[in-house]
Amino acid sequence: MISHPKHLMDQSVTIGAADSTAVDSGGSPVVDFSSTTGPFIARIWPVSGSENVRAGRPASQTVYNVVIDPAATVTAEDRINWGSRVLKLLEPKQDAGSQGVIVKLIAEEVSI
């Protein structure tokens, strides 16, 4: 039996599930991520970043690789809570090595 490499996973994360979609006063959808599962062990590191100006204000974007315990259930609608950061998925999760050992995700930080 293969076990996941816990010694490489030095971060703790929770998963914020997209619970319900309400509508704000302007009619725009508002998604609630208050229901969380975890904590799960993970390894997170930045792979790229950019800075630009949006609406006259400086803005930055950092993309992360996330390797997470396969016991974590993560969907495209969920958020990964990592300390004070919130990450959203950019690509579907991948079974790294096709052995169910670790799950690799590509995510970016979102503003809350």
PDB file of N, CA and C in Angstrom:
ATOM      1  N   MET A   1       0.839  -1.183   0.000  1.00  0.00           N
ATOM      2  CA  MET A   1       0.000   0.000   0.000  1.00  0.00           C
ATOM      3  C   MET A   1       0.886   1.249   0.000  1.00  0.00           C
ATOM      4  N   ILE A   2       0.562   2.193  -0.834  1.00  0.00           N
ATOM      5  CA  ILE A   2       1.315   3.434  -0.940  1.00  0.00           C
ATOM      6  C   ILE A   2       0.700   4.462  -0.005  1.00  0.00           C
ATOM      7  N   SER A   3       1.551   5.141   0.755  1.00  0.00           N
ATOM      8  CA  SER A   3       1.040   6.205   1.615  1.00  0.00           C
ATOM      9  C   SER A   3       1.499   7.541   1.054  1.00  0.00           C
ATOM     10  N   HIS A   4       0.745   8.593   1.358  1.00  0.00           N
ATOM     11  CA  HIS A   4       1.132   9.891   0.827  1.00  0.00           C
ATOM     12  C   HIS A   4       2.293  10.468   1.640  1.00  0.00           C
ATOM     13  N   PRO A   5       3.122  11.291   0.995  1.00  0.00           N
ATOM     14  CA  PRO A   5       4.344  11.810   1.625  1.00  0.00           C
ATOM     15  C   PRO A   5       4.056  12.930   2.618  1.00  0.00           C
ATOM     16  N   LYS A   6       3.574  12.578   3.783  1.00  0.00           N
ATOM     17  CA  LYS A   6       3.192  13.577   4.778  1.00  0.00           C
ATOM     18  C   LYS A   6       4.356  14.472   5.185  1.00  0.00           C
ATOM     19  N   HIS A   7       5.561  13.948   5.146  1.00  0.00           N
ATOM     20  CA  HIS A   7       6.717  14.736   5.570  1.00  0.00           C
ATOM     21  C   HIS A   7       6.977  15.934   4.652  1.00  0.00           C
ATOM     22  N   LEU A   8       6.430  15.927   3.442  1.00  0.00           N
ATOM     23  CA  LEU A   8       6.596  17.049   2.525  1.00  0.00           C
ATOM     24  C   LEU A   8       5.464  18.061   2.635  1.00  0.00           C
ATOM     25  N   MET A   9       4.381  17.684   3.291  1.00  0.00           N
ATOM     26  CA  MET A   9       3.214  18.557   3.404  1.00  0.00           C
ATOM     27  C   MET A   9       3.302  19.324   4.715  1.00  0.00           C
ATOM     28  N   ASP A  10       3.695  20.604   4.607  1.00  0.00           N
ATOM     29  CA  ASP A  10       3.988  21.399   5.787  1.00  0.00           C
ATOM     30  C   ASP A  10       2.980  22.511   6.052  1.00  0.00           C
ATOM     31  N   GLN A  11       1.848  22.488   5.339  1.00  0.00           N
ATOM     32  CA  GLN A  11       0.824  23.507   5.511  1.00  0.00           C
ATOM     33  C   GLN A  11      -0.492  22.858   5.950  1.00  0.00           C
ATOM     34  N   SER A  12      -1.337  23.649   6.558  1.00  0.00           N
ATOM     35  CA  SER A  12      -2.664  23.191   6.949  1.00  0.00           C
ATOM     36  C   SER A  12      -3.690  24.051   6.215  1.00  0.00           C
ATOM     37  N   VAL A  13      -4.668  23.397   5.588  1.00  0.00           N
ATOM     38  CA  VAL A  13      -5.708  24.111   4.843  1.00  0.00           C
ATOM     39  C   VAL A  13      -7.080  23.563   5.217  1.00  0.00           C
ATOM     40  N   THR A  14      -8.099  24.359   4.971  1.00  0.00           N
ATOM     41  CA  THR A  14      -9.473  23.881   5.044  1.00  0.00           C
ATOM     42  C   THR A  14     -10.109  24.144   3.685  1.00  0.00           C
ATOM     43  N   ILE A  15     -11.183  23.432   3.407  1.00  0.00           N
ATOM     44  CA  ILE A  15     -11.900  23.591   2.147  1.00  0.00           C
ATOM     45  C   ILE A  15     -13.225  24.279   2.438  1.00  0.00           C
ATOM     46  N   GLY A  16     -13.443  25.408   1.785  1.00  0.00           N
ATOM     47  CA  GLY A  16     -14.705  26.136   1.905  1.00  0.00           C
ATOM     48  C   GLY A  16     -15.633  25.717   0.785  1.00  0.00           C
ATOM     49  N   ALA A  17     -16.708  25.056   1.139  1.00  0.00           N
ATOM     50  CA  ALA A  17     -17.656  24.566   0.135  1.00  0.00           C
ATOM     51  C   ALA A  17     -18.624  25.669  -0.263  1.00  0.00           C
ATOM     52  N   ALA A  18     -18.958  25.701  -1.542  1.00  0.00           N
ATOM     53  CA  ALA A  18     -19.951  26.652  -2.051  1.00  0.00           C
ATOM     54  C   ALA A  18     -21.323  26.173  -1.598  1.00  0.00           C
ATOM     55  N   ASP A  19     -21.810  26.761  -0.505  1.00  0.00           N
ATOM     56  CA  ASP A  19     -23.055  26.303   0.111  1.00  0.00           C
ATOM     57  C   ASP A  19     -24.307  26.692  -0.665  1.00  0.00           C
ATOM     58  N   SER A  20     -24.490  27.968  -0.812  1.00  0.00           N
ATOM     59  CA  SER A  20     -25.717  28.429  -1.440  1.00  0.00           C
ATOM     60  C   SER A  20     -25.444  29.702  -2.219  1.00  0.00           C
ATOM     61  N   THR A  21     -26.255  29.934  -3.166  1.00  0.00           N
ATOM     62  CA  THR A  21     -26.128  31.158  -3.945  1.00  0.00           C
ATOM     63  C   THR A  21     -27.346  32.027  -3.657  1.00  0.00           C
ATOM     64  N   ALA A  22     -27.076  33.184  -3.088  1.00  0.00           N
ATOM     65  CA  ALA A  22     -28.133  34.158  -2.837  1.00  0.00           C
ATOM     66  C   ALA A  22     -27.995  35.251  -3.894  1.00  0.00           C
ATOM     67  N   VAL A  23     -28.853  36.215  -3.845  1.00  0.00           N
ATOM     68  CA  VAL A  23     -28.822  37.328  -4.786  1.00  0.00           C
ATOM     69  C   VAL A  23     -28.741  38.617  -3.978  1.00  0.00           C
ATOM     70  N   ASP A  24     -27.810  39.498  -4.356  1.00  0.00           N
ATOM     71  CA  ASP A  24     -27.706  40.769  -3.635  1.00  0.00           C
ATOM     72  C   ASP A  24     -28.763  41.752  -4.147  1.00  0.00           C
ATOM     73  N   SER A  25     -28.764  42.951  -3.588  1.00  0.00           N
ATOM     74  CA  SER A  25     -29.803  43.937  -3.925  1.00  0.00           C
ATOM     75  C   SER A  25     -29.767  44.349  -5.398  1.00  0.00           C
ATOM     76  N   GLY A  26     -28.626  44.174  -6.050  1.00  0.00           N
ATOM     77  CA  GLY A  26     -28.521  44.501  -7.472  1.00  0.00           C
ATOM     78  C   GLY A  26     -28.851  43.338  -8.383  1.00  0.00           C
ATOM     79  N   GLY A  27     -29.184  42.171  -7.792  1.00  0.00           N
ATOM     80  CA  GLY A  27     -29.533  40.998  -8.582  1.00  0.00           C
ATOM     81  C   GLY A  27     -28.355  40.114  -8.949  1.00  0.00           C
ATOM     82  N   SER A  28     -27.161  40.451  -8.443  1.00  0.00           N
ATOM     83  CA  SER A  28     -25.971  39.639  -8.726  1.00  0.00           C
ATOM     84  C   SER A  28     -25.883  38.470  -7.748  1.00  0.00           C
ATOM     85  N   PRO A  29     -25.425  37.309  -8.222  1.00  0.00           N
ATOM     86  CA  PRO A  29     -25.310  36.158  -7.323  1.00  0.00           C
ATOM     87  C   PRO A  29     -24.211  36.360  -6.280  1.00  0.00           C
ATOM     88  N   VAL A  30     -24.457  35.893  -5.075  1.00  0.00           N
ATOM     89  CA  VAL A  30     -23.497  35.929  -3.978  1.00  0.00           C
ATOM     90  C   VAL A  30     -23.382  34.502  -3.442  1.00  0.00           C
ATOM     91  N   VAL A  31     -22.177  33.943  -3.508  1.00  0.00           N
ATOM     92  CA  VAL A  31     -21.951  32.564  -3.062  1.00  0.00           C
ATOM     93  C   VAL A  31     -21.388  32.582  -1.653  1.00  0.00           C
ATOM     94  N   ASP A  32     -21.901  31.712  -0.803  1.00  0.00           N
ATOM     95  CA  ASP A  32     -21.472  31.592   0.587  1.00  0.00           C
ATOM     96  C   ASP A  32     -20.517  30.409   0.709  1.00  0.00           C
ATOM     97  N   PHE A  33     -19.320  30.645   1.295  1.00  0.00           N
ATOM     98  CA  PHE A  33     -18.328  29.579   1.488  1.00  0.00           C
ATOM     99  C   PHE A  33     -18.102  29.304   2.969  1.00  0.00           C
ATOM    100  N   SER A  34     -19.120  29.504   3.803  1.00  0.00           N
ATOM    101  CA  SER A  34     -18.937  29.392   5.250  1.00  0.00           C
ATOM    102  C   SER A  34     -18.814  27.962   5.753  1.00  0.00           C
ATOM    103  N   SER A  35     -19.298  26.989   5.012  1.00  0.00           N
ATOM    104  CA  SER A  35     -19.186  25.589   5.427  1.00  0.00           C
ATOM    105  C   SER A  35     -17.820  25.060   5.039  1.00  0.00           C
ATOM    106  N   THR A  36     -17.022  24.645   6.033  1.00  0.00           N
ATOM    107  CA  THR A  36     -15.675  24.174   5.745  1.00  0.00           C
ATOM    108  C   THR A  36     -15.455  22.750   6.215  1.00  0.00           C
ATOM    109  N   THR A  37     -14.512  22.082   5.561  1.00  0.00           N
ATOM    110  CA  THR A  37     -14.064  20.765   5.994  1.00  0.00           C
ATOM    111  C   THR A  37     -12.560  20.840   6.205  1.00  0.00           C
ATOM    112  N   GLY A  38     -12.056  19.959   7.022  1.00  0.00           N
ATOM    113  CA  GLY A  38     -10.618  19.931   7.293  1.00  0.00           C
ATOM    114  C   GLY A  38     -10.359  20.145   8.765  1.00  0.00           C
ATOM    115  N   PRO A  39      -9.143  20.336   9.126  1.00  0.00           N
ATOM    116  CA  PRO A  39      -8.014  20.697   8.289  1.00  0.00           C
ATOM    117  C   PRO A  39      -7.406  19.493   7.563  1.00  0.00           C
ATOM    118  N   PHE A  40      -6.750  19.802   6.464  1.00  0.00           N
ATOM    119  CA  PHE A  40      -6.023  18.823   5.666  1.00  0.00           C
ATOM    120  C   PHE A  40      -4.581  19.295   5.528  1.00  0.00           C
ATOM    121  N   ILE A  41      -3.661  18.341   5.394  1.00  0.00           N
ATOM    122  CA  ILE A  41      -2.274  18.720   5.170  1.00  0.00           C
ATOM    123  C   ILE A  41      -2.067  18.988   3.687  1.00  0.00           C
ATOM    124  N   ALA A  42      -1.165  19.926   3.410  1.00  0.00           N
ATOM    125  CA  ALA A  42      -0.930  20.322   2.018  1.00  0.00           C
ATOM    126  C   ALA A  42       0.484  20.868   1.867  1.00  0.00           C
ATOM    127  N   ARG A  43       0.899  20.977   0.637  1.00  0.00           N
ATOM    128  CA  ARG A  43       2.136  21.670   0.265  1.00  0.00           C
ATOM    129  C   ARG A  43       1.738  22.696  -0.781  1.00  0.00           C
ATOM    130  N   ILE A  44       2.060  23.964  -0.560  1.00  0.00           N
ATOM    131  CA  ILE A  44       1.644  25.046  -1.455  1.00  0.00           C
ATOM    132  C   ILE A  44       2.866  25.885  -1.789  1.00  0.00           C
ATOM    133  N   TRP A  45       3.032  26.176  -3.073  1.00  0.00           N
ATOM    134  CA  TRP A  45       4.126  27.045  -3.479  1.00  0.00           C
ATOM    135  C   TRP A  45       3.722  27.846  -4.713  1.00  0.00           C
ATOM    136  N   PRO A  46       4.209  29.102  -4.798  1.00  0.00           N
ATOM    137  CA  PRO A  46       3.866  29.930  -5.947  1.00  0.00           C
ATOM    138  C   PRO A  46       4.606  29.462  -7.200  1.00  0.00           C
ATOM    139  N   VAL A  47       3.935  29.543  -8.360  1.00  0.00           N
ATOM    140  CA  VAL A  47       4.568  29.167  -9.618  1.00  0.00           C
ATOM    141  C   VAL A  47       4.668  30.347 -10.580  1.00  0.00           C
ATOM    142  N   SER A  48       3.828  31.350 -10.417  1.00  0.00           N
ATOM    143  CA  SER A  48       3.927  32.541 -11.255  1.00  0.00           C
ATOM    144  C   SER A  48       3.191  33.688 -10.593  1.00  0.00           C
ATOM    145  N   GLY A  49       3.518  34.872 -11.040  1.00  0.00           N
ATOM    146  CA  GLY A  49       2.847  36.047 -10.515  1.00  0.00           C
ATOM    147  C   GLY A  49       2.889  37.166 -11.533  1.00  0.00           C
ATOM    148  N   SER A  50       1.975  38.102 -11.383  1.00  0.00           N
ATOM    149  CA  SER A  50       1.951  39.255 -12.274  1.00  0.00           C
ATOM    150  C   SER A  50       1.392  40.451 -11.517  1.00  0.00           C
ATOM    151  N   GLU A  51       1.780  41.614 -11.983  1.00  0.00           N
ATOM    152  CA  GLU A  51       1.258  42.856 -11.430  1.00  0.00           C
ATOM    153  C   GLU A  51       0.767  43.707 -12.582  1.00  0.00           C
ATOM    154  N   ASN A  52      -0.355  44.364 -12.384  1.00  0.00           N
ATOM    155  CA  ASN A  52      -0.891  45.250 -13.402  1.00  0.00           C
ATOM    156  C   ASN A  52      -1.760  46.304 -12.726  1.00  0.00           C
ATOM    157  N   VAL A  53      -2.441  47.082 -13.511  1.00  0.00           N
ATOM    158  CA  VAL A  53      -3.329  48.106 -12.981  1.00  0.00           C
ATOM    159  C   VAL A  53      -4.736  47.817 -13.477  1.00  0.00           C
ATOM    160  N   ARG A  54      -5.678  47.749 -12.542  1.00  0.00           N
ATOM    161  CA  ARG A  54      -7.082  47.526 -12.870  1.00  0.00           C
ATOM    162  C   ARG A  54      -7.884  48.676 -12.289  1.00  0.00           C
ATOM    163  N   ALA A  55      -8.662  49.314 -13.116  1.00  0.00           N
ATOM    164  CA  ALA A  55      -9.500  50.435 -12.684  1.00  0.00           C
ATOM    165  C   ALA A  55      -8.675  51.489 -11.956  1.00  0.00           C
ATOM    166  N   GLY A  56      -7.448  51.715 -12.451  1.00  0.00           N
ATOM    167  CA  GLY A  56      -6.597  52.733 -11.869  1.00  0.00           C
ATOM    168  C   GLY A  56      -5.914  52.346 -10.581  1.00  0.00           C
ATOM    169  N   ARG A  57      -6.032  51.075 -10.168  1.00  0.00           N
ATOM    170  CA  ARG A  57      -5.419  50.623  -8.919  1.00  0.00           C
ATOM    171  C   ARG A  57      -4.449  49.485  -9.207  1.00  0.00           C
ATOM    172  N   PRO A  58      -3.338  49.414  -8.439  1.00  0.00           N
ATOM    173  CA  PRO A  58      -2.413  48.296  -8.615  1.00  0.00           C
ATOM    174  C   PRO A  58      -3.106  46.982  -8.234  1.00  0.00           C
ATOM    175  N   ALA A  59      -2.876  45.944  -9.017  1.00  0.00           N
ATOM    176  CA  ALA A  59      -3.449  44.628  -8.736  1.00  0.00           C
ATOM    177  C   ALA A  59      -2.389  43.579  -9.012  1.00  0.00           C
ATOM    178  N   SER A  60      -2.385  42.523  -8.238  1.00  0.00           N
ATOM    179  CA  SER A  60      -1.432  41.447  -8.468  1.00  0.00           C
ATOM    180  C   SER A  60      -2.167  40.116  -8.478  1.00  0.00           C
ATOM    181  N   GLN A  61      -1.559  39.160  -9.143  1.00  0.00           N
ATOM    182  CA  GLN A  61      -2.120  37.811  -9.213  1.00  0.00           C
ATOM    183  C   GLN A  61      -0.986  36.830  -9.000  1.00  0.00           C
ATOM    184  N   THR A  62      -1.177  35.882  -8.106  1.00  0.00           N
ATOM    185  CA  THR A  62      -0.206  34.825  -7.876  1.00  0.00           C
ATOM    186  C   THR A  62      -0.898  33.495  -8.102  1.00  0.00           C
ATOM    187  N   VAL A  63      -0.259  32.639  -8.895  1.00  0.00           N
ATOM    188  CA  VAL A  63      -0.776  31.300  -9.157  1.00  0.00           C
ATOM    189  C   VAL A  63       0.054  30.317  -8.338  1.00  0.00           C
ATOM    190  N   TYR A  64      -0.614  29.371  -7.699  1.00  0.00           N
ATOM    191  CA  TYR A  64       0.027  28.411  -6.808  1.00  0.00           C
ATOM    192  C   TYR A  64      -0.182  26.979  -7.285  1.00  0.00           C
ATOM    193  N   ASN A  65       0.801  26.136  -7.024  1.00  0.00           N
ATOM    194  CA  ASN A  65       0.610  24.690  -7.071  1.00  0.00           C
ATOM    195  C   ASN A  65       0.193  24.271  -5.668  1.00  0.00           C
ATOM    196  N   VAL A  66      -0.785  23.415  -5.578  1.00  0.00           N
ATOM    197  CA  VAL A  66      -1.257  22.910  -4.297  1.00  0.00           C
ATOM    198  C   VAL A  66      -1.268  21.388  -4.378  1.00  0.00           C
ATOM    199  N   VAL A  67      -0.551  20.751  -3.478  1.00  0.00           N
ATOM    200  CA  VAL A  67      -0.608  19.303  -3.350  1.00  0.00           C
ATOM    201  C   VAL A  67      -1.289  19.041  -2.018  1.00  0.00           C
ATOM    202  N   ILE A  68      -2.372  18.271  -2.059  1.00  0.00           N
ATOM    203  CA  ILE A  68      -3.214  18.121  -0.867  1.00  0.00           C
ATOM    204  C   ILE A  68      -3.503  16.662  -0.597  1.00  0.00           C
ATOM    205  N   ASP A  69      -3.759  16.371   0.648  1.00  0.00           N
ATOM    206  CA  ASP A  69      -4.144  15.022   1.081  1.00  0.00           C
ATOM    207  C   ASP A  69      -5.311  14.530   0.222  1.00  0.00           C
ATOM    208  N   PRO A  70      -5.237  13.324  -0.339  1.00  0.00           N
ATOM    209  CA  PRO A  70      -6.325  12.833  -1.180  1.00  0.00           C
ATOM    210  C   PRO A  70      -7.649  12.642  -0.441  1.00  0.00           C
ATOM    211  N   ALA A  71      -7.627  12.700   0.880  1.00  0.00           N
ATOM    212  CA  ALA A  71      -8.871  12.595   1.647  1.00  0.00           C
ATOM    213  C   ALA A  71      -9.726  13.858   1.507  1.00  0.00           C
ATOM    214  N   ALA A  72      -9.117  14.939   1.042  1.00  0.00           N
ATOM    215  CA  ALA A  72      -9.849  16.197   0.859  1.00  0.00           C
ATOM    216  C   ALA A  72     -10.675  16.127  -0.418  1.00  0.00           C
ATOM    217  N   THR A  73     -11.937  16.452  -0.298  1.00  0.00           N
ATOM    218  CA  THR A  73     -12.807  16.528  -1.467  1.00  0.00           C
ATOM    219  C   THR A  73     -12.868  17.988  -1.903  1.00  0.00           C
ATOM    220  N   VAL A  74     -12.376  18.261  -3.103  1.00  0.00           N
ATOM    221  CA  VAL A  74     -12.326  19.623  -3.610  1.00  0.00           C
ATOM    222  C   VAL A  74     -12.988  19.656  -4.980  1.00  0.00           C
ATOM    223  N   THR A  75     -13.949  20.566  -5.140  1.00  0.00           N
ATOM    224  CA  THR A  75     -14.600  20.740  -6.433  1.00  0.00           C
ATOM    225  C   THR A  75     -14.198  22.095  -7.009  1.00  0.00           C
ATOM    226  N   ALA A  76     -14.504  22.316  -8.266  1.00  0.00           N
ATOM    227  CA  ALA A  76     -14.145  23.567  -8.939  1.00  0.00           C
ATOM    228  C   ALA A  76     -14.793  24.786  -8.285  1.00  0.00           C
ATOM    229  N   GLU A  77     -15.911  24.605  -7.616  1.00  0.00           N
ATOM    230  CA  GLU A  77     -16.617  25.720  -6.985  1.00  0.00           C
ATOM    231  C   GLU A  77     -16.084  26.051  -5.595  1.00  0.00           C
ATOM    232  N   ASP A  78     -15.303  25.160  -4.999  1.00  0.00           N
ATOM    233  CA  ASP A  78     -14.827  25.339  -3.634  1.00  0.00           C
ATOM    234  C   ASP A  78     -13.678  26.332  -3.554  1.00  0.00           C
ATOM    235  N   ARG A  79     -13.345  26.729  -2.341  1.00  0.00           N
ATOM    236  CA  ARG A  79     -12.199  27.591  -2.070  1.00  0.00           C
ATOM    237  C   ARG A  79     -11.283  26.877  -1.080  1.00  0.00           C
ATOM    238  N   ILE A  80      -9.991  27.127  -1.201  1.00  0.00           N
ATOM    239  CA  ILE A  80      -9.009  26.582  -0.272  1.00  0.00           C
ATOM    240  C   ILE A  80      -8.604  27.700   0.663  1.00  0.00           C
ATOM    241  N   ASN A  81      -8.839  27.520   1.946  1.00  0.00           N
ATOM    242  CA  ASN A  81      -8.481  28.502   2.959  1.00  0.00           C
ATOM    243  C   ASN A  81      -7.108  28.136   3.503  1.00  0.00           C
ATOM    244  N   TRP A  82      -6.136  29.025   3.280  1.00  0.00           N
ATOM    245  CA  TRP A  82      -4.744  28.780   3.647  1.00  0.00           C
ATOM    246  C   TRP A  82      -4.257  29.967   4.457  1.00  0.00           C
ATOM    247  N   GLY A  83      -4.308  29.844   5.758  1.00  0.00           N
ATOM    248  CA  GLY A  83      -3.980  30.975   6.619  1.00  0.00           C
ATOM    249  C   GLY A  83      -4.943  32.117   6.331  1.00  0.00           C
ATOM    250  N   SER A  84      -4.403  33.293   6.015  1.00  0.00           N
ATOM    251  CA  SER A  84      -5.249  34.441   5.693  1.00  0.00           C
ATOM    252  C   SER A  84      -5.590  34.508   4.205  1.00  0.00           C
ATOM    253  N   ARG A  85      -5.082  33.570   3.420  1.00  0.00           N
ATOM    254  CA  ARG A  85      -5.325  33.566   1.974  1.00  0.00           C
ATOM    255  C   ARG A  85      -6.481  32.647   1.614  1.00  0.00           C
ATOM    256  N   VAL A  86      -7.153  33.012   0.533  1.00  0.00           N
ATOM    257  CA  VAL A  86      -8.222  32.180  -0.027  1.00  0.00           C
ATOM    258  C   VAL A  86      -7.851  31.917  -1.480  1.00  0.00           C
ATOM    259  N   LEU A  87      -7.819  30.641  -1.861  1.00  0.00           N
ATOM    260  CA  LEU A  87      -7.438  30.255  -3.211  1.00  0.00           C
ATOM    261  C   LEU A  87      -8.625  29.649  -3.946  1.00  0.00           C
ATOM    262  N   LYS A  88      -8.737  29.955  -5.238  1.00  0.00           N
ATOM    263  CA  LYS A  88      -9.756  29.316  -6.072  1.00  0.00           C
ATOM    264  C   LYS A  88      -9.047  28.473  -7.123  1.00  0.00           C
ATOM    265  N   LEU A  89      -9.693  27.405  -7.541  1.00  0.00           N
ATOM    266  CA  LEU A  89      -9.092  26.493  -8.508  1.00  0.00           C
ATOM    267  C   LEU A  89      -9.124  27.087  -9.906  1.00  0.00           C
ATOM    268  N   LEU A  90      -8.032  26.897 -10.634  1.00  0.00           N
ATOM    269  CA  LEU A  90      -7.950  27.332 -12.018  1.00  0.00           C
ATOM    270  C   LEU A  90      -8.037  26.151 -12.978  1.00  0.00           C
ATOM    271  N   GLU A  91      -7.653  24.968 -12.510  1.00  0.00           N
ATOM    272  CA  GLU A  91      -7.677  23.757 -13.326  1.00  0.00           C
ATOM    273  C   GLU A  91      -8.259  22.620 -12.510  1.00  0.00           C
ATOM    274  N   PRO A  92      -8.799  21.606 -13.183  1.00  0.00           N
ATOM    275  CA  PRO A  92      -9.315  20.447 -12.448  1.00  0.00           C
ATOM    276  C   PRO A  92      -8.208  19.760 -11.657  1.00  0.00           C
ATOM    277  N   LYS A  93      -8.583  19.111 -10.558  1.00  0.00           N
ATOM    278  CA  LYS A  93      -7.576  18.417  -9.763  1.00  0.00           C
ATOM    279  C   LYS A  93      -7.022  17.231 -10.544  1.00  0.00           C
ATOM    280  N   GLN A  94      -5.785  16.887 -10.233  1.00  0.00           N
ATOM    281  CA  GLN A  94      -5.097  15.788 -10.893  1.00  0.00           C
ATOM    282  C   GLN A  94      -4.615  14.810  -9.838  1.00  0.00           C
ATOM    283  N   ASP A  95      -4.749  13.539 -10.114  1.00  0.00           N
ATOM    284  CA  ASP A  95      -4.191  12.504  -9.255  1.00  0.00           C
ATOM    285  C   ASP A  95      -2.721  12.391  -9.626  1.00  0.00           C
ATOM    286  N   ALA A  96      -1.854  13.001  -8.834  1.00  0.00           N
ATOM    287  CA  ALA A  96      -0.425  13.015  -9.148  1.00  0.00           C
ATOM    288  C   ALA A  96       0.134  11.601  -9.086  1.00  0.00           C
ATOM    289  N   GLY A  97       0.658  11.142 -10.181  1.00  0.00           N
ATOM    290  CA  GLY A  97       1.220   9.806 -10.242  1.00  0.00           C
ATOM    291  C   GLY A  97       0.193   8.724 -10.501  1.00  0.00           C
ATOM    292  N   SER A  98      -1.073   9.092 -10.637  1.00  0.00           N
ATOM    293  CA  SER A  98      -2.170   8.145 -10.897  1.00  0.00           C
ATOM    294  C   SER A  98      -2.213   7.006  -9.896  1.00  0.00           C
ATOM    295  N   GLN A  99      -1.865   7.297  -8.649  1.00  0.00           N
ATOM    296  CA  GLN A  99      -1.863   6.248  -7.626  1.00  0.00           C
ATOM    297  C   GLN A  99      -2.716   6.601  -6.419  1.00  0.00           C
ATOM    298  N   GLY A 100      -3.476   7.700  -6.491  1.00  0.00           N
ATOM    299  CA  GLY A 100      -4.319   8.079  -5.364  1.00  0.00           C
ATOM    300  C   GLY A 100      -3.531   8.509  -4.150  1.00  0.00           C
ATOM    301  N   VAL A 101      -2.288   8.913  -4.351  1.00  0.00           N
ATOM    302  CA  VAL A 101      -1.425   9.249  -3.236  1.00  0.00           C
ATOM    303  C   VAL A 101      -1.540  10.718  -2.859  1.00  0.00           C
ATOM    304  N   ILE A 102      -1.438  11.584  -3.847  1.00  0.00           N
ATOM    305  CA  ILE A 102      -1.586  13.006  -3.614  1.00  0.00           C
ATOM    306  C   ILE A 102      -2.430  13.607  -4.723  1.00  0.00           C
ATOM    307  N   VAL A 103      -3.014  14.721  -4.450  1.00  0.00           N
ATOM    308  CA  VAL A 103      -3.839  15.406  -5.438  1.00  0.00           C
ATOM    309  C   VAL A 103      -3.209  16.761  -5.697  1.00  0.00           C
ATOM    310  N   LYS A 104      -2.960  17.069  -6.975  1.00  0.00           N
ATOM    311  CA  LYS A 104      -2.350  18.342  -7.351  1.00  0.00           C
ATOM    312  C   LYS A 104      -3.415  19.273  -7.898  1.00  0.00           C
ATOM    313  N   LEU A 105      -3.381  20.525  -7.452  1.00  0.00           N
ATOM    314  CA  LEU A 105      -4.319  21.548  -7.878  1.00  0.00           C
ATOM    315  C   LEU A 105      -3.550  22.773  -8.345  1.00  0.00           C
ATOM    316  N   ILE A 106      -4.117  23.520  -9.268  1.00  0.00           N
ATOM    317  CA  ILE A 106      -3.580  24.823  -9.662  1.00  0.00           C
ATOM    318  C   ILE A 106      -4.600  25.844  -9.186  1.00  0.00           C
ATOM    319  N   ALA A 107      -4.156  26.838  -8.403  1.00  0.00           N
ATOM    320  CA  ALA A 107      -5.087  27.788  -7.804  1.00  0.00           C
ATOM    321  C   ALA A 107      -4.496  29.180  -7.827  1.00  0.00           C
ATOM    322  N   GLU A 108      -5.362  30.185  -7.684  1.00  0.00           N
ATOM    323  CA  GLU A 108      -4.901  31.566  -7.540  1.00  0.00           C
ATOM    324  C   GLU A 108      -5.575  32.197  -6.348  1.00  0.00           C
ATOM    325  N   GLU A 109      -4.917  33.201  -5.791  1.00  0.00           N
ATOM    326  CA  GLU A 109      -5.471  33.906  -4.642  1.00  0.00           C
ATOM    327  C   GLU A 109      -6.603  34.806  -5.086  1.00  0.00           C
ATOM    328  N   VAL A 110      -7.659  34.852  -4.285  1.00  0.00           N
ATOM    329  CA  VAL A 110      -8.802  35.708  -4.588  1.00  0.00           C
ATOM    330  C   VAL A 110      -8.920  36.792  -3.530  1.00  0.00           C
ATOM    331  N   SER A 111      -9.463  37.915  -3.905  1.00  0.00           N
ATOM    332  CA  SER A 111      -9.702  38.996  -2.963  1.00  0.00           C
ATOM    333  C   SER A 111     -11.034  38.761  -2.267  1.00  0.00           C
ATOM    334  N   ILE A 112     -11.042  38.974  -0.969  1.00  0.00           N
ATOM    335  CA  ILE A 112     -12.303  38.803  -0.242  1.00  0.00           C
ATOM    336  C   ILE A 112     -12.654  40.073   0.496  1.00  0.00           C
TER     337      ILE A 112
END
